[in-house]
Amino acid sequence: MRQMTSRERFYALLNNMPADRPAVINPVSVATSESVSALGLRFRDVHTDPAKAAALAAYPYEKLGFDSIMPYFSVVAEAAALGAVIDWGDDRTMPSQRSSVFTEPEQVKVPEDFLSRPSIRCVIEAIKTVSSKYGDGPLIIGKALGPWTLCLHCYGMEKTLIATIDDREKLKAMLGALASFTETFARAQLSAGAHMVTIADHSTRNLVGPKVYGDFVKPLHAGLNARFPGSLILHCCGNTEDRVGMFAEAGFPLYHFESSNDISLMIRKAGGMKLTGCVNNPATLLAGGVADVANSVAEIIRRGIDIVSPECAVPMATPNENLMAVACAAKNNLE
């Protein structure tokens, strides 16, 4: 078989067609301190400077062997754009949010200038830059926080979880309004040149039961998939063996999952939905060596995952040689 471009490879595998080898993508951040240093950047700048974001996003594709480019490196862009207090961190740490934003559903409205606010504009403009520069080669992935995660961030985790029991209608109204942010941001990224958009929505088993997902979040996910058919990747951390089938029912073509899940069980329960993952971050990519990474990736592929990725945003201290080892292992597993 001829050598495919990265994007051709991804879409062939997504559609269960033959490919020249497994794909390696990053649905969320694989930014490392080593990459930041190699580019002569400050990590805190890439969240608001589109040119710097584009350069860091392209580095795994250009230098580490990844098939994709993804320029949203944190989980605070939306909250930052809405006025939350953000600690932008340094070259060794991710940004963190220090305040909530909303207290009532009536406050949740997408500002007219939302897409032009610095942290949001940065992602959109970076996508335009890499789309123009790299053409048909890489898979370009955007990212937007889903309504559940936006609620945790902008309303507050404790208040959100309590509301699932004692203020259900208010929570449904809040989530429905927040879904407008997800839709607006995702649409803008697809229009800018992204081929897929990761919806990061952390309705994980260690936080809520599957009924909460079914009652509050699944209908909103189904709505997003109806608006952007075939274009969304769901990312949800943690063990999701009890709800992966519901993710498939919501219409996601691809789910990005964590290593805490049993691969065989996940594949069976996912049905026709493809899976990507699930290279362990702390034990393998951060603390392991190249041989550990290669062995892990080979086992993941052997068990049926042909679109491989780190399980979540990699720690900033992850050695780049370990990220390169992910791609090398995939290249050594030729179809």
C-alpha atoms as a PDB file:
ATOM      1  CA  MET A   1       0.000   0.000   0.000  1.00  0.00           C
ATOM      2  CA  ARG A   2       1.232   3.510  -0.817  1.00  0.00           C
ATOM      3  CA  GLN A   3       2.183   5.846   1.991  1.00  0.00           C
ATOM      4  CA  MET A   4      -0.815   7.931   3.015  1.00  0.00           C
ATOM      5  CA  THR A   5      -0.915  11.476   4.213  1.00  0.00           C
ATOM      6  CA  SER A   6      -1.713  11.886   7.870  1.00  0.00           C
ATOM      7  CA  ARG A   7      -5.241  13.048   7.152  1.00  0.00           C
ATOM      8  CA  GLU A   8      -5.908  10.256   4.667  1.00  0.00           C
ATOM      9  CA  ARG A   9      -4.672   7.728   7.223  1.00  0.00           C
ATOM     10  CA  PHE A  10      -6.913   9.074   9.961  1.00  0.00           C
ATOM     11  CA  TYR A  11     -10.070   9.133   7.870  1.00  0.00           C
ATOM     12  CA  ALA A  12      -9.450   5.673   6.457  1.00  0.00           C
ATOM     13  CA  LEU A  13      -9.175   4.270   9.978  1.00  0.00           C
ATOM     14  CA  LEU A  14     -12.100   6.322  11.264  1.00  0.00           C
ATOM     15  CA  ASN A  15     -14.232   4.738   8.553  1.00  0.00           C
ATOM     16  CA  ASN A  16     -12.855   1.226   9.126  1.00  0.00           C
ATOM     17  CA  MET A  17     -11.038   1.197   5.804  1.00  0.00           C
ATOM     18  CA  PRO A  18      -7.500  -0.140   5.165  1.00  0.00           C
ATOM     19  CA  ALA A  19      -4.623   2.195   6.007  1.00  0.00           C
ATOM     20  CA  ASP A  20      -0.861   2.006   5.576  1.00  0.00           C
ATOM     21  CA  ARG A  21      -0.366   1.962   9.379  1.00  0.00           C
ATOM     22  CA  PRO A  22      -2.032   3.005  12.635  1.00  0.00           C
ATOM     23  CA  ALA A  23      -2.462   6.744  13.150  1.00  0.00           C
ATOM     24  CA  VAL A  24      -1.124   8.802  16.066  1.00  0.00           C
ATOM     25  CA  ILE A  25      -3.105  11.902  16.981  1.00  0.00           C
ATOM     26  CA  ASN A  26      -3.436  14.394  19.818  1.00  0.00           C
ATOM     27  CA  PRO A  27      -7.106  15.218  20.497  1.00  0.00           C
ATOM     28  CA  VAL A  28      -5.900  17.303  23.457  1.00  0.00           C
ATOM     29  CA  SER A  29      -2.582  18.936  24.340  1.00  0.00           C
ATOM     30  CA  VAL A  30       0.801  17.276  23.877  1.00  0.00           C
ATOM     31  CA  ALA A  31       2.675  20.497  24.630  1.00  0.00           C
ATOM     32  CA  THR A  32       5.809  19.911  26.683  1.00  0.00           C
ATOM     33  CA  SER A  33       8.378  22.150  28.326  1.00  0.00           C
ATOM     34  CA  GLU A  34      10.940  20.664  25.949  1.00  0.00           C
ATOM     35  CA  SER A  35       8.910  21.702  22.886  1.00  0.00           C
ATOM     36  CA  VAL A  36       8.312  25.175  24.299  1.00  0.00           C
ATOM     37  CA  SER A  37      12.042  25.599  24.914  1.00  0.00           C
ATOM     38  CA  ALA A  38      13.011  24.293  21.472  1.00  0.00           C
ATOM     39  CA  LEU A  39      10.804  26.954  19.880  1.00  0.00           C
ATOM     40  CA  GLY A  40      12.134  29.722  22.129  1.00  0.00           C
ATOM     41  CA  LEU A  41       8.665  30.454  23.530  1.00  0.00           C
ATOM     42  CA  ARG A  42       7.096  31.150  26.909  1.00  0.00           C
ATOM     43  CA  PHE A  43       4.225  28.747  27.501  1.00  0.00           C
ATOM     44  CA  ARG A  44       2.038  31.413  29.102  1.00  0.00           C
ATOM     45  CA  ASP A  45       2.095  33.324  25.782  1.00  0.00           C
ATOM     46  CA  VAL A  46       0.720  30.543  23.555  1.00  0.00           C
ATOM     47  CA  HIS A  47      -2.769  30.865  25.055  1.00  0.00           C
ATOM     48  CA  THR A  48      -3.297  34.354  23.639  1.00  0.00           C
ATOM     49  CA  ASP A  49      -0.767  34.745  20.790  1.00  0.00           C
ATOM     50  CA  PRO A  50      -1.997  32.964  17.621  1.00  0.00           C
ATOM     51  CA  ALA A  51       1.384  32.793  15.892  1.00  0.00           C
ATOM     52  CA  LYS A  52       3.017  31.209  18.936  1.00  0.00           C
ATOM     53  CA  ALA A  53       0.070  28.859  19.405  1.00  0.00           C
ATOM     54  CA  ALA A  54       0.361  27.746  15.779  1.00  0.00           C
ATOM     55  CA  ALA A  55       4.086  27.097  16.121  1.00  0.00           C
ATOM     56  CA  LEU A  56       3.686  24.995  19.264  1.00  0.00           C
ATOM     57  CA  ALA A  57       0.692  23.139  17.829  1.00  0.00           C
ATOM     58  CA  ALA A  58       2.628  22.194  14.695  1.00  0.00           C
ATOM     59  CA  TYR A  59       5.705  20.962  16.577  1.00  0.00           C
ATOM     60  CA  PRO A  60       4.409  17.419  17.270  1.00  0.00           C
ATOM     61  CA  TYR A  61       3.490  17.060  13.580  1.00  0.00           C
ATOM     62  CA  GLU A  62       6.775  18.463  12.309  1.00  0.00           C
ATOM     63  CA  LYS A  63       9.205  16.973  14.831  1.00  0.00           C
ATOM     64  CA  LEU A  64       7.578  14.169  16.831  1.00  0.00           C
ATOM     65  CA  GLY A  65       5.788  12.140  14.163  1.00  0.00           C
ATOM     66  CA  PHE A  66       2.178  12.897  15.062  1.00  0.00           C
ATOM     67  CA  ASP A  67      -0.526  12.889  12.395  1.00  0.00           C
ATOM     68  CA  SER A  68      -2.434  15.854  13.820  1.00  0.00           C
ATOM     69  CA  ILE A  69      -2.149  19.472  14.899  1.00  0.00           C
ATOM     70  CA  MET A  70      -4.173  20.834  17.854  1.00  0.00           C
ATOM     71  CA  PRO A  71      -3.692  24.440  19.123  1.00  0.00           C
ATOM     72  CA  TYR A  72      -5.731  24.650  22.363  1.00  0.00           C
ATOM     73  CA  PHE A  73      -3.347  23.750  25.195  1.00  0.00           C
ATOM     74  CA  SER A  74      -5.430  24.321  28.331  1.00  0.00           C
ATOM     75  CA  VAL A  75      -9.022  24.122  29.580  1.00  0.00           C
ATOM     76  CA  VAL A  76      -9.454  27.792  30.459  1.00  0.00           C
ATOM     77  CA  ALA A  77      -9.914  29.636  27.140  1.00  0.00           C
ATOM     78  CA  GLU A  78     -13.670  29.985  27.487  1.00  0.00           C
ATOM     79  CA  ALA A  79     -13.562  31.002  31.149  1.00  0.00           C
ATOM     80  CA  ALA A  80     -10.754  33.476  30.463  1.00  0.00           C
ATOM     81  CA  ALA A  81     -12.823  35.049  27.693  1.00  0.00           C
ATOM     82  CA  LEU A  82     -15.721  35.444  30.137  1.00  0.00           C
ATOM     83  CA  GLY A  83     -13.685  37.258  32.757  1.00  0.00           C
ATOM     84  CA  ALA A  84     -12.668  34.492  35.158  1.00  0.00           C
ATOM     85  CA  VAL A  85      -9.449  34.971  37.087  1.00  0.00           C
ATOM     86  CA  ILE A  86      -6.762  32.824  35.428  1.00  0.00           C
ATOM     87  CA  ASP A  87      -3.309  31.866  36.652  1.00  0.00           C
ATOM     88  CA  TRP A  88      -1.502  31.427  33.338  1.00  0.00           C
ATOM     89  CA  GLY A  89       1.292  29.383  34.930  1.00  0.00           C
ATOM     90  CA  ASP A  90       4.826  29.092  33.621  1.00  0.00           C
ATOM     91  CA  ASP A  91       6.822  26.844  31.283  1.00  0.00           C
ATOM     92  CA  ARG A  92       6.323  23.842  33.569  1.00  0.00           C
ATOM     93  CA  THR A  93       2.635  24.171  34.485  1.00  0.00           C
ATOM     94  CA  MET A  94      -0.741  24.430  32.809  1.00  0.00           C
ATOM     95  CA  PRO A  95      -2.952  27.484  33.383  1.00  0.00           C
ATOM     96  CA  SER A  96      -5.579  27.177  36.109  1.00  0.00           C
ATOM     97  CA  GLN A  97      -8.850  28.955  36.778  1.00  0.00           C
ATOM     98  CA  ARG A  98      -9.295  30.822  40.057  1.00  0.00           C
ATOM     99  CA  SER A  99     -12.904  32.045  39.961  1.00  0.00           C
ATOM    100  CA  SER A 100     -16.331  31.097  38.636  1.00  0.00           C
ATOM    101  CA  VAL A 101     -18.368  33.212  36.230  1.00  0.00           C
ATOM    102  CA  PHE A 102     -22.130  32.588  36.438  1.00  0.00           C
ATOM    103  CA  THR A 103     -24.642  32.129  39.251  1.00  0.00           C
ATOM    104  CA  GLU A 104     -27.952  31.995  37.309  1.00  0.00           C
ATOM    105  CA  PRO A 105     -28.971  30.592  33.911  1.00  0.00           C
ATOM    106  CA  GLU A 106     -30.193  34.030  32.821  1.00  0.00           C
ATOM    107  CA  GLN A 107     -26.594  35.271  32.900  1.00  0.00           C
ATOM    108  CA  VAL A 108     -25.416  32.628  30.425  1.00  0.00           C
ATOM    109  CA  LYS A 109     -25.394  34.344  27.044  1.00  0.00           C
ATOM    110  CA  VAL A 110     -22.731  34.262  24.353  1.00  0.00           C
ATOM    111  CA  PRO A 111     -21.332  37.812  24.070  1.00  0.00           C
ATOM    112  CA  GLU A 112     -21.434  39.287  20.568  1.00  0.00           C
ATOM    113  CA  ASP A 113     -17.644  39.667  20.610  1.00  0.00           C
ATOM    114  CA  PHE A 114     -16.951  36.245  22.165  1.00  0.00           C
ATOM    115  CA  LEU A 115     -15.000  34.934  19.156  1.00  0.00           C
ATOM    116  CA  SER A 116     -12.741  37.998  19.120  1.00  0.00           C
ATOM    117  CA  ARG A 117     -11.729  37.805  22.782  1.00  0.00           C
ATOM    118  CA  PRO A 118      -7.997  36.990  23.071  1.00  0.00           C
ATOM    119  CA  SER A 119      -8.020  33.395  24.331  1.00  0.00           C
ATOM    120  CA  ILE A 120     -10.769  32.386  21.875  1.00  0.00           C
ATOM    121  CA  ARG A 121      -9.400  34.315  18.913  1.00  0.00           C
ATOM    122  CA  CYS A 122      -5.997  32.716  19.542  1.00  0.00           C
ATOM    123  CA  VAL A 123      -7.308  29.196  18.866  1.00  0.00           C
ATOM    124  CA  ILE A 124      -9.294  30.244  15.784  1.00  0.00           C
ATOM    125  CA  GLU A 125      -6.451  32.211  14.215  1.00  0.00           C
ATOM    126  CA  ALA A 126      -3.922  29.462  14.972  1.00  0.00           C
ATOM    127  CA  ILE A 127      -6.155  26.991  13.128  1.00  0.00           C
ATOM    128  CA  LYS A 128      -6.305  29.335  10.144  1.00  0.00           C
ATOM    129  CA  THR A 129      -2.511  29.597  10.164  1.00  0.00           C
ATOM    130  CA  VAL A 130      -1.785  25.857  10.244  1.00  0.00           C
ATOM    131  CA  SER A 131      -4.557  25.123   7.755  1.00  0.00           C
ATOM    132  CA  SER A 132      -3.036  27.555   5.293  1.00  0.00           C
ATOM    133  CA  LYS A 133       0.542  26.411   5.906  1.00  0.00           C
ATOM    134  CA  TYR A 134       0.136  22.632   5.869  1.00  0.00           C
ATOM    135  CA  GLY A 135      -2.723  22.109   3.423  1.00  0.00           C
ATOM    136  CA  ASP A 136      -3.905  18.524   3.001  1.00  0.00           C
ATOM    137  CA  GLY A 137      -1.130  16.884   5.044  1.00  0.00           C
ATOM    138  CA  PRO A 138      -2.080  16.812   8.736  1.00  0.00           C
ATOM    139  CA  LEU A 139      -5.379  16.299  10.479  1.00  0.00           C
ATOM    140  CA  ILE A 140      -6.225  19.623  12.129  1.00  0.00           C
ATOM    141  CA  ILE A 141      -8.148  19.257  15.376  1.00  0.00           C
ATOM    142  CA  GLY A 142      -9.828  22.032  17.310  1.00  0.00           C
ATOM    143  CA  LYS A 143     -11.137  21.823  20.856  1.00  0.00           C
ATOM    144  CA  ALA A 144     -14.063  23.290  22.768  1.00  0.00           C
ATOM    145  CA  LEU A 145     -15.252  22.564  26.275  1.00  0.00           C
ATOM    146  CA  GLY A 146     -18.593  20.797  26.448  1.00  0.00           C
ATOM    147  CA  PRO A 147     -21.555  22.154  28.442  1.00  0.00           C
ATOM    148  CA  TRP A 148     -20.987  19.929  31.480  1.00  0.00           C
ATOM    149  CA  THR A 149     -17.346  20.962  31.871  1.00  0.00           C
ATOM    150  CA  LEU A 150     -18.249  24.600  31.219  1.00  0.00           C
ATOM    151  CA  CYS A 151     -20.767  24.321  34.041  1.00  0.00           C
ATOM    152  CA  LEU A 152     -18.183  22.836  36.386  1.00  0.00           C
ATOM    153  CA  HIS A 153     -15.824  25.693  35.523  1.00  0.00           C
ATOM    154  CA  CYS A 154     -18.196  28.630  35.218  1.00  0.00           C
ATOM    155  CA  TYR A 155     -20.894  27.759  37.781  1.00  0.00           C
ATOM    156  CA  GLY A 156     -18.758  25.673  40.146  1.00  0.00           C
ATOM    157  CA  MET A 157     -18.248  21.958  40.699  1.00  0.00           C
ATOM    158  CA  GLU A 158     -19.970  21.733  44.077  1.00  0.00           C
ATOM    159  CA  LYS A 159     -22.998  23.734  42.950  1.00  0.00           C
ATOM    160  CA  THR A 160     -23.284  21.722  39.735  1.00  0.00           C
ATOM    161  CA  LEU A 161     -23.193  18.374  41.514  1.00  0.00           C
ATOM    162  CA  ILE A 162     -25.688  19.476  44.185  1.00  0.00           C
ATOM    163  CA  ALA A 163     -28.014  20.766  41.479  1.00  0.00           C
ATOM    164  CA  THR A 164     -28.210  17.307  39.874  1.00  0.00           C
ATOM    165  CA  ILE A 165     -30.264  16.367  42.971  1.00  0.00           C
ATOM    166  CA  ASP A 166     -32.040  19.425  44.305  1.00  0.00           C
ATOM    167  CA  ASP A 167     -32.261  21.954  41.453  1.00  0.00           C
ATOM    168  CA  ARG A 168     -32.538  19.885  38.295  1.00  0.00           C
ATOM    169  CA  GLU A 169     -34.493  22.378  36.213  1.00  0.00           C
ATOM    170  CA  LYS A 170     -32.072  25.192  36.952  1.00  0.00           C
ATOM    171  CA  LEU A 171     -29.156  22.934  36.018  1.00  0.00           C
ATOM    172  CA  LYS A 172     -30.806  21.868  32.767  1.00  0.00           C
ATOM    173  CA  ALA A 173     -31.352  25.514  31.886  1.00  0.00           C
ATOM    174  CA  MET A 174     -27.744  26.344  32.741  1.00  0.00           C
ATOM    175  CA  LEU A 175     -26.368  23.460  30.674  1.00  0.00           C
ATOM    176  CA  GLY A 176     -28.612  24.249  27.724  1.00  0.00           C
ATOM    177  CA  ALA A 177     -27.404  27.833  27.691  1.00  0.00           C
ATOM    178  CA  LEU A 178     -23.759  26.790  28.042  1.00  0.00           C
ATOM    179  CA  ALA A 179     -24.107  24.450  25.059  1.00  0.00           C
ATOM    180  CA  SER A 180     -24.402  27.605  22.950  1.00  0.00           C
ATOM    181  CA  PHE A 181     -20.790  28.435  23.826  1.00  0.00           C
ATOM    182  CA  THR A 182     -19.654  24.978  22.769  1.00  0.00           C
ATOM    183  CA  GLU A 183     -21.558  25.216  19.490  1.00  0.00           C
ATOM    184  CA  THR A 184     -20.327  28.738  18.708  1.00  0.00           C
ATOM    185  CA  PHE A 185     -16.677  27.919  19.384  1.00  0.00           C
ATOM    186  CA  ALA A 186     -16.778  24.579  17.554  1.00  0.00           C
ATOM    187  CA  ARG A 187     -18.442  26.125  14.502  1.00  0.00           C
ATOM    188  CA  ALA A 188     -15.827  28.873  14.342  1.00  0.00           C
ATOM    189  CA  GLN A 189     -12.976  26.360  14.493  1.00  0.00           C
ATOM    190  CA  LEU A 190     -14.461  24.181  11.757  1.00  0.00           C
ATOM    191  CA  SER A 191     -14.981  27.272   9.612  1.00  0.00           C
ATOM    192  CA  ALA A 192     -11.358  28.270  10.234  1.00  0.00           C
ATOM    193  CA  GLY A 193     -10.080  24.970   8.819  1.00  0.00           C
ATOM    194  CA  ALA A 194     -10.290  22.356  11.576  1.00  0.00           C
ATOM    195  CA  HIS A 195     -11.285  18.918  10.304  1.00  0.00           C
ATOM    196  CA  MET A 196     -12.439  17.640  13.689  1.00  0.00           C
ATOM    197  CA  VAL A 197     -13.164  19.347  17.018  1.00  0.00           C
ATOM    198  CA  THR A 198     -12.609  17.675  20.370  1.00  0.00           C
ATOM    199  CA  ILE A 199     -15.473  18.259  22.788  1.00  0.00           C
ATOM    200  CA  ALA A 200     -13.873  17.997  26.231  1.00  0.00           C
ATOM    201  CA  ASP A 201     -16.691  17.120  28.614  1.00  0.00           C
ATOM    202  CA  HIS A 202     -15.730  15.413  31.849  1.00  0.00           C
ATOM    203  CA  SER A 203     -18.872  13.557  32.912  1.00  0.00           C
ATOM    204  CA  THR A 204     -16.747  10.728  34.216  1.00  0.00           C
ATOM    205  CA  ARG A 205     -17.660   7.770  36.423  1.00  0.00           C
ATOM    206  CA  ASN A 206     -15.684   9.069  39.403  1.00  0.00           C
ATOM    207  CA  LEU A 207     -17.775  12.265  39.391  1.00  0.00           C
ATOM    208  CA  VAL A 208     -21.356  11.306  38.469  1.00  0.00           C
ATOM    209  CA  GLY A 209     -23.388   8.218  37.656  1.00  0.00           C
ATOM    210  CA  PRO A 210     -24.478   7.270  34.143  1.00  0.00           C
ATOM    211  CA  LYS A 211     -28.045   8.494  34.802  1.00  0.00           C
ATOM    212  CA  VAL A 212     -26.742  12.032  35.275  1.00  0.00           C
ATOM    213  CA  TYR A 213     -25.023  11.804  31.912  1.00  0.00           C
ATOM    214  CA  GLY A 214     -28.177  10.421  30.310  1.00  0.00           C
ATOM    215  CA  ASP A 215     -30.507  12.976  31.857  1.00  0.00           C
ATOM    216  CA  PHE A 216     -28.450  16.151  31.603  1.00  0.00           C
ATOM    217  CA  VAL A 217     -25.624  15.806  29.085  1.00  0.00           C
ATOM    218  CA  LYS A 218     -26.459  13.187  26.463  1.00  0.00           C
ATOM    219  CA  PRO A 219     -29.285  15.230  24.870  1.00  0.00           C
ATOM    220  CA  LEU A 220     -26.930  18.194  24.487  1.00  0.00           C
ATOM    221  CA  HIS A 221     -24.214  15.986  22.983  1.00  0.00           C
ATOM    222  CA  ALA A 222     -26.738  14.531  20.555  1.00  0.00           C
ATOM    223  CA  GLY A 223     -27.692  18.061  19.534  1.00  0.00           C
ATOM    224  CA  LEU A 224     -24.079  19.001  18.887  1.00  0.00           C
ATOM    225  CA  ASN A 225     -23.521  15.885  16.791  1.00  0.00           C
ATOM    226  CA  ALA A 226     -26.667  16.652  14.788  1.00  0.00           C
ATOM    227  CA  ARG A 227     -25.268  20.106  14.020  1.00  0.00           C
ATOM    228  CA  PHE A 228     -21.742  18.871  13.219  1.00  0.00           C
ATOM    229  CA  PRO A 229     -22.205  15.302  11.962  1.00  0.00           C
ATOM    230  CA  GLY A 230     -18.998  13.275  11.787  1.00  0.00           C
ATOM    231  CA  SER A 231     -16.865  16.175  13.017  1.00  0.00           C
ATOM    232  CA  LEU A 232     -16.660  15.790  16.792  1.00  0.00           C
ATOM    233  CA  ILE A 233     -14.323  13.812  19.062  1.00  0.00           C
ATOM    234  CA  LEU A 234     -15.509  13.318  22.628  1.00  0.00           C
ATOM    235  CA  HIS A 235     -12.850  13.514  25.332  1.00  0.00           C
ATOM    236  CA  CYS A 236     -13.816  12.403  28.830  1.00  0.00           C
ATOM    237  CA  CYS A 237     -11.220  11.416  31.408  1.00  0.00           C
ATOM    238  CA  GLY A 238     -11.503   8.563  33.878  1.00  0.00           C
ATOM    239  CA  ASN A 239     -13.262   5.234  33.791  1.00  0.00           C
ATOM    240  CA  THR A 240     -16.243   5.384  31.444  1.00  0.00           C
ATOM    241  CA  GLU A 241     -16.942   1.691  30.874  1.00  0.00           C
ATOM    242  CA  ASP A 242     -20.501   2.153  32.176  1.00  0.00           C
ATOM    243  CA  ARG A 243     -21.376   4.985  29.741  1.00  0.00           C
ATOM    244  CA  VAL A 244     -19.295   4.562  26.590  1.00  0.00           C
ATOM    245  CA  GLY A 245     -22.328   3.041  24.879  1.00  0.00           C
ATOM    246  CA  MET A 246     -24.258   6.217  25.693  1.00  0.00           C
ATOM    247  CA  PHE A 247     -21.500   8.303  24.105  1.00  0.00           C
ATOM    248  CA  ALA A 248     -21.997   6.244  20.949  1.00  0.00           C
ATOM    249  CA  GLU A 249     -25.757   6.735  21.123  1.00  0.00           C
ATOM    250  CA  ALA A 250     -25.183  10.502  21.323  1.00  0.00           C
ATOM    251  CA  GLY A 251     -23.628  10.291  17.870  1.00  0.00           C
ATOM    252  CA  PHE A 252     -19.904  10.789  18.408  1.00  0.00           C
ATOM    253  CA  PRO A 253     -17.843   9.162  15.642  1.00  0.00           C
ATOM    254  CA  LEU A 254     -14.744   8.991  17.867  1.00  0.00           C
ATOM    255  CA  TYR A 255     -14.162   8.840  21.629  1.00  0.00           C
ATOM    256  CA  HIS A 256     -10.821   9.667  23.276  1.00  0.00           C
ATOM    257  CA  PHE A 257     -10.452   7.469  26.357  1.00  0.00           C
ATOM    258  CA  GLU A 258      -8.147   6.869  29.276  1.00  0.00           C
ATOM    259  CA  SER A 259      -5.949   3.891  30.136  1.00  0.00           C
ATOM    260  CA  SER A 260      -8.006   3.096  33.251  1.00  0.00           C
ATOM    261  CA  ASN A 261     -10.555   1.430  30.958  1.00  0.00           C
ATOM    262  CA  ASP A 262     -10.380  -2.150  29.669  1.00  0.00           C
ATOM    263  CA  ILE A 263      -9.752  -1.894  25.920  1.00  0.00           C
ATOM    264  CA  SER A 264     -11.658  -5.028  24.917  1.00  0.00           C
ATOM    265  CA  LEU A 265     -14.689  -4.019  26.971  1.00  0.00           C
ATOM    266  CA  MET A 266     -14.608  -0.477  25.610  1.00  0.00           C
ATOM    267  CA  ILE A 267     -14.462  -1.671  21.996  1.00  0.00           C
ATOM    268  CA  ARG A 268     -17.378  -4.021  22.563  1.00  0.00           C
ATOM    269  CA  LYS A 269     -19.533  -1.408  24.287  1.00  0.00           C
ATOM    270  CA  ALA A 270     -18.637   1.351  21.809  1.00  0.00           C
ATOM    271  CA  GLY A 271     -20.297  -0.513  18.952  1.00  0.00           C
ATOM    272  CA  GLY A 272     -19.768   1.460  15.760  1.00  0.00           C
ATOM    273  CA  MET A 273     -18.059   4.384  17.472  1.00  0.00           C
ATOM    274  CA  LYS A 274     -14.282   4.398  16.991  1.00  0.00           C
ATOM    275  CA  LEU A 275     -11.942   4.798  19.943  1.00  0.00           C
ATOM    276  CA  THR A 276      -8.636   6.604  20.288  1.00  0.00           C
ATOM    277  CA  GLY A 277      -6.236   6.411  23.220  1.00  0.00           C
ATOM    278  CA  CYS A 278      -5.003   5.229  25.581  1.00  0.00           C
ATOM    279  CA  VAL A 279      -1.265   5.555  26.225  1.00  0.00           C
ATOM    280  CA  ASN A 280      -0.843   6.079  29.965  1.00  0.00           C
ATOM    281  CA  ASN A 281       0.483   9.516  30.899  1.00  0.00           C
ATOM    282  CA  PRO A 282       2.033   9.272  34.398  1.00  0.00           C
ATOM    283  CA  ALA A 283       3.501   5.769  34.361  1.00  0.00           C
ATOM    284  CA  THR A 284       4.425   5.390  30.702  1.00  0.00           C
ATOM    285  CA  LEU A 285       4.909   8.740  28.970  1.00  0.00           C
ATOM    286  CA  LEU A 286       6.207  10.706  31.958  1.00  0.00           C
ATOM    287  CA  ALA A 287       8.044   8.129  34.074  1.00  0.00           C
ATOM    288  CA  GLY A 288       8.723   5.357  31.545  1.00  0.00           C
ATOM    289  CA  GLY A 289      11.412   4.970  28.940  1.00  0.00           C
ATOM    290  CA  VAL A 290      11.284   4.624  25.173  1.00  0.00           C
ATOM    291  CA  ALA A 291      11.032   0.831  25.383  1.00  0.00           C
ATOM    292  CA  ASP A 292       8.117   1.096  27.829  1.00  0.00           C
ATOM    293  CA  VAL A 293       6.289   3.418  25.445  1.00  0.00           C
ATOM    294  CA  ALA A 294       6.944   1.193  22.441  1.00  0.00           C
ATOM    295  CA  ASN A 295       5.718  -1.899  24.249  1.00  0.00           C
ATOM    296  CA  SER A 296       2.600  -0.120  25.490  1.00  0.00           C
ATOM    297  CA  VAL A 297       1.697   1.220  22.054  1.00  0.00           C
ATOM    298  CA  ALA A 298       2.273  -2.169  20.427  1.00  0.00           C
ATOM    299  CA  GLU A 299      -0.067  -3.772  22.964  1.00  0.00           C
ATOM    300  CA  ILE A 300      -2.716  -1.087  22.480  1.00  0.00           C
ATOM    301  CA  ILE A 301      -2.628  -1.656  18.725  1.00  0.00           C
ATOM    302  CA  ARG A 302      -2.676  -5.438  19.169  1.00  0.00           C
ATOM    303  CA  ARG A 303      -5.828  -5.124  21.253  1.00  0.00           C
ATOM    304  CA  GLY A 304      -7.638  -3.216  18.523  1.00  0.00           C
ATOM    305  CA  ILE A 305      -6.948   0.520  18.811  1.00  0.00           C
ATOM    306  CA  ASP A 306      -5.613   1.733  15.465  1.00  0.00           C
ATOM    307  CA  ILE A 307      -5.921   5.481  16.172  1.00  0.00           C
ATOM    308  CA  VAL A 308      -3.447   5.875  19.023  1.00  0.00           C
ATOM    309  CA  SER A 309      -3.059   8.898  21.306  1.00  0.00           C
ATOM    310  CA  PRO A 310      -1.910   9.855  24.787  1.00  0.00           C
ATOM    311  CA  GLU A 311      -4.805   9.348  27.187  1.00  0.00           C
ATOM    312  CA  CYS A 312      -5.135  13.048  28.117  1.00  0.00           C
ATOM    313  CA  ALA A 313      -3.123  16.265  28.021  1.00  0.00           C
ATOM    314  CA  VAL A 314       0.432  15.141  28.672  1.00  0.00           C
ATOM    315  CA  PRO A 315       2.349  16.491  31.677  1.00  0.00           C
ATOM    316  CA  MET A 316       4.611  19.362  30.673  1.00  0.00           C
ATOM    317  CA  ALA A 317       7.655  17.419  31.900  1.00  0.00           C
ATOM    318  CA  THR A 318       7.015  14.518  29.483  1.00  0.00           C
ATOM    319  CA  PRO A 319      10.211  13.784  27.498  1.00  0.00           C
ATOM    320  CA  ASN A 320       9.777  14.423  23.806  1.00  0.00           C
ATOM    321  CA  GLU A 321      11.625  11.196  23.029  1.00  0.00           C
ATOM    322  CA  ASN A 322       8.732   9.340  24.626  1.00  0.00           C
ATOM    323  CA  LEU A 323       6.223  11.139  22.419  1.00  0.00           C
ATOM    324  CA  MET A 324       8.376  10.306  19.409  1.00  0.00           C
ATOM    325  CA  ALA A 325       8.365   6.686  20.559  1.00  0.00           C
ATOM    326  CA  VAL A 326       4.558   6.625  20.272  1.00  0.00           C
ATOM    327  CA  ALA A 327       4.776   7.551  16.602  1.00  0.00           C
ATOM    328  CA  CYS A 328       7.711   5.214  15.964  1.00  0.00           C
ATOM    329  CA  ALA A 329       5.820   2.292  17.470  1.00  0.00           C
ATOM    330  CA  ALA A 330       2.840   2.999  15.232  1.00  0.00           C
ATOM    331  CA  LYS A 331       5.086   3.168  12.167  1.00  0.00           C
ATOM    332  CA  ASN A 332       6.536  -0.190  13.105  1.00  0.00           C
ATOM    333  CA  ASN A 333       3.024  -1.699  13.084  1.00  0.00           C
ATOM    334  CA  LEU A 334       2.439  -1.509   9.341  1.00  0.00           C
ATOM    335  CA  GLU A 335      -0.807  -2.857   8.013  1.00  0.00           C
END
